[in-house]
C-alpha atoms as a PDB file:
ATOM      1  CA  MET A   1       0.006   0.128   0.075  1.00  0.00           C
ATOM      2  CA  ALA A   2       0.915   3.525  -0.729  1.00  0.00           C
ATOM      3  CA  ASN A   3       2.128   5.883   1.944  1.00  0.00           C
ATOM      4  CA  ILE A   4       1.424   9.125  -0.059  1.00  0.00           C
ATOM      5  CA  LYS A   5      -2.138  10.250   0.235  1.00  0.00           C
ATOM      6  CA  SER A   6      -2.477  11.346  -3.324  1.00  0.00           C
ATOM      7  CA  GLN A   7      -1.467   7.973  -4.297  1.00  0.00           C
ATOM      8  CA  LYS A   8      -4.089   6.268  -1.873  1.00  0.00           C
ATOM      9  CA  LYS A   9      -6.686   8.340  -3.369  1.00  0.00           C
ATOM     10  CA  ARG A  10      -5.437   7.626  -6.973  1.00  0.00           C
ATOM     11  CA  ASN A  11      -5.676   3.861  -6.167  1.00  0.00           C
ATOM     12  CA  LEU A  12      -9.402   4.097  -5.162  1.00  0.00           C
ATOM     13  CA  THR A  13     -10.151   5.961  -7.962  1.00  0.00           C
ATOM     14  CA  ASN A  14      -8.359   3.690 -10.392  1.00  0.00           C
ATOM     15  CA  ALA A  15     -10.383   0.648  -8.634  1.00  0.00           C
ATOM     16  CA  LYS A  16     -13.854   2.531  -9.212  1.00  0.00           C
ATOM     17  CA  ARG A  17     -13.240   2.995 -12.911  1.00  0.00           C
ATOM     18  CA  ALA A  18     -11.772  -0.355 -13.287  1.00  0.00           C
ATOM     19  CA  GLU A  19     -15.029  -1.721 -11.702  1.00  0.00           C
ATOM     20  CA  ARG A  20     -17.168   0.398 -13.890  1.00  0.00           C
ATOM     21  CA  ASN A  21     -15.235  -0.345 -16.930  1.00  0.00           C
ATOM     22  CA  LYS A  22     -15.541  -3.979 -16.238  1.00  0.00           C
ATOM     23  CA  ALA A  23     -19.516  -3.754 -15.790  1.00  0.00           C
ATOM     24  CA  VAL A  24     -19.622  -1.630 -19.322  1.00  0.00           C
ATOM     25  CA  LYS A  25     -17.437  -4.231 -21.031  1.00  0.00           C
ATOM     26  CA  SER A  26     -19.410  -6.979 -19.670  1.00  0.00           C
ATOM     27  CA  GLU A  27     -22.741  -5.736 -20.980  1.00  0.00           C
ATOM     28  CA  LEU A  28     -21.281  -5.031 -24.416  1.00  0.00           C
ATOM     29  CA  LYS A  29     -20.185  -8.466 -24.625  1.00  0.00           C
ATOM     30  CA  THR A  30     -24.017  -9.597 -23.669  1.00  0.00           C
ATOM     31  CA  ARG A  31     -25.558  -6.900 -26.151  1.00  0.00           C
ATOM     32  CA  VAL A  32     -23.424  -8.321 -29.015  1.00  0.00           C
ATOM     33  CA  LYS A  33     -24.259 -11.999 -28.112  1.00  0.00           C
ATOM     34  CA  SER A  34     -27.913 -11.374 -27.865  1.00  0.00           C
ATOM     35  CA  ALA A  35     -27.772  -9.516 -31.394  1.00  0.00           C
ATOM     36  CA  ILE A  36     -25.926 -12.496 -32.929  1.00  0.00           C
ATOM     37  CA  ALA A  37     -28.178 -14.886 -31.412  1.00  0.00           C
ATOM     38  CA  THR A  38     -31.273 -13.269 -32.549  1.00  0.00           C
ATOM     39  CA  ALA A  39     -30.139 -13.150 -36.423  1.00  0.00           C
ATOM     40  CA  GLY A  40     -32.581 -13.849 -38.676  1.00  0.00           C
ATOM     41  CA  THR A  41     -35.671 -13.070 -36.337  1.00  0.00           C
ATOM     42  CA  ASP A  42     -38.000 -10.065 -36.146  1.00  0.00           C
ATOM     43  CA  ASP A  43     -36.424  -9.004 -33.073  1.00  0.00           C
ATOM     44  CA  ASN A  44     -33.006  -8.661 -34.747  1.00  0.00           C
ATOM     45  CA  ALA A  45     -32.904  -5.059 -35.813  1.00  0.00           C
ATOM     46  CA  GLU A  46     -33.656  -3.767 -32.112  1.00  0.00           C
ATOM     47  CA  GLN A  47     -30.809  -6.044 -30.756  1.00  0.00           C
ATOM     48  CA  VAL A  48     -28.358  -4.910 -33.338  1.00  0.00           C
ATOM     49  CA  ARG A  49     -29.390  -1.402 -32.563  1.00  0.00           C
ATOM     50  CA  LEU A  50     -28.642  -1.612 -29.072  1.00  0.00           C
ATOM     51  CA  ALA A  51     -25.402  -3.261 -29.434  1.00  0.00           C
ATOM     52  CA  ILE A  52     -24.250  -0.416 -31.531  1.00  0.00           C
ATOM     53  CA  LYS A  53     -25.622   2.179 -29.219  1.00  0.00           C
ATOM     54  CA  ARG A  54     -23.672   0.510 -26.151  1.00  0.00           C
ATOM     55  CA  LEU A  55     -20.464   0.310 -28.467  1.00  0.00           C
ATOM     56  CA  ASP A  56     -20.802   3.829 -29.260  1.00  0.00           C
ATOM     57  CA  LYS A  57     -21.383   5.028 -25.717  1.00  0.00           C
ATOM     58  CA  ALA A  58     -18.372   2.953 -24.505  1.00  0.00           C
ATOM     59  CA  ALA A  59     -16.149   4.432 -26.981  1.00  0.00           C
ATOM     60  CA  ALA A  60     -17.483   7.903 -25.888  1.00  0.00           C
ATOM     61  CA  LYS A  61     -16.666   7.280 -22.278  1.00  0.00           C
ATOM     62  CA  GLY A  62     -13.326   5.997 -23.203  1.00  0.00           C
ATOM     63  CA  VAL A  63     -13.957   2.626 -22.210  1.00  0.00           C
ATOM     64  CA  ILE A  64     -12.857   1.089 -25.583  1.00  0.00           C
ATOM     65  CA  HIS A  65     -11.041   2.796 -28.399  1.00  0.00           C
ATOM     66  CA  PRO A  66     -13.118   4.498 -30.902  1.00  0.00           C
ATOM     67  CA  ASN A  67     -11.478   2.326 -33.609  1.00  0.00           C
ATOM     68  CA  GLN A  68     -12.183  -0.996 -31.561  1.00  0.00           C
ATOM     69  CA  ALA A  69     -15.791   0.245 -31.406  1.00  0.00           C
ATOM     70  CA  ALA A  70     -16.069   0.773 -35.285  1.00  0.00           C
ATOM     71  CA  ARG A  71     -14.333  -2.854 -36.058  1.00  0.00           C
ATOM     72  CA  ARG A  72     -16.797  -4.331 -33.537  1.00  0.00           C
ATOM     73  CA  LYS A  73     -19.829  -2.616 -34.957  1.00  0.00           C
ATOM     74  CA  SER A  74     -18.695  -3.691 -38.464  1.00  0.00           C
ATOM     75  CA  ARG A  75     -17.805  -7.238 -37.579  1.00  0.00           C
ATOM     76  CA  LEU A  76     -21.569  -7.418 -35.971  1.00  0.00           C
ATOM     77  CA  ILE A  77     -23.063  -6.183 -39.052  1.00  0.00           C
ATOM     78  CA  LYS A  78     -20.980  -8.439 -41.185  1.00  0.00           C
ATOM     79  CA  SER A  79     -21.878 -11.520 -39.273  1.00  0.00           C
ATOM     80  CA  VAL A  80     -25.815 -10.720 -38.687  1.00  0.00           C
ATOM     81  CA  SER A  81     -26.177 -10.104 -42.478  1.00  0.00           C
ATOM     82  CA  ALA A  82     -24.352 -13.275 -43.436  1.00  0.00           C
ATOM     83  CA  VAL A  83     -26.942 -15.441 -41.672  1.00  0.00           C
END
């Protein structure tokens, strides 16, 4: 454990951010999986829209890199339209 007060605070802040980022990344994976699972059904368009929305939000908040969000959206659309 750090002895410097600012470093103690930084450790707490990093832990909070890591927990929040973990939750966002977990939701991303869930949304993408559900969008792929519903490929070919009536509900698919809505699931894909929600997955893309979450990817964009994560990129805007800095959880993932914008290029990663673009790549994942592209792969999602490609895999859904292939079915």
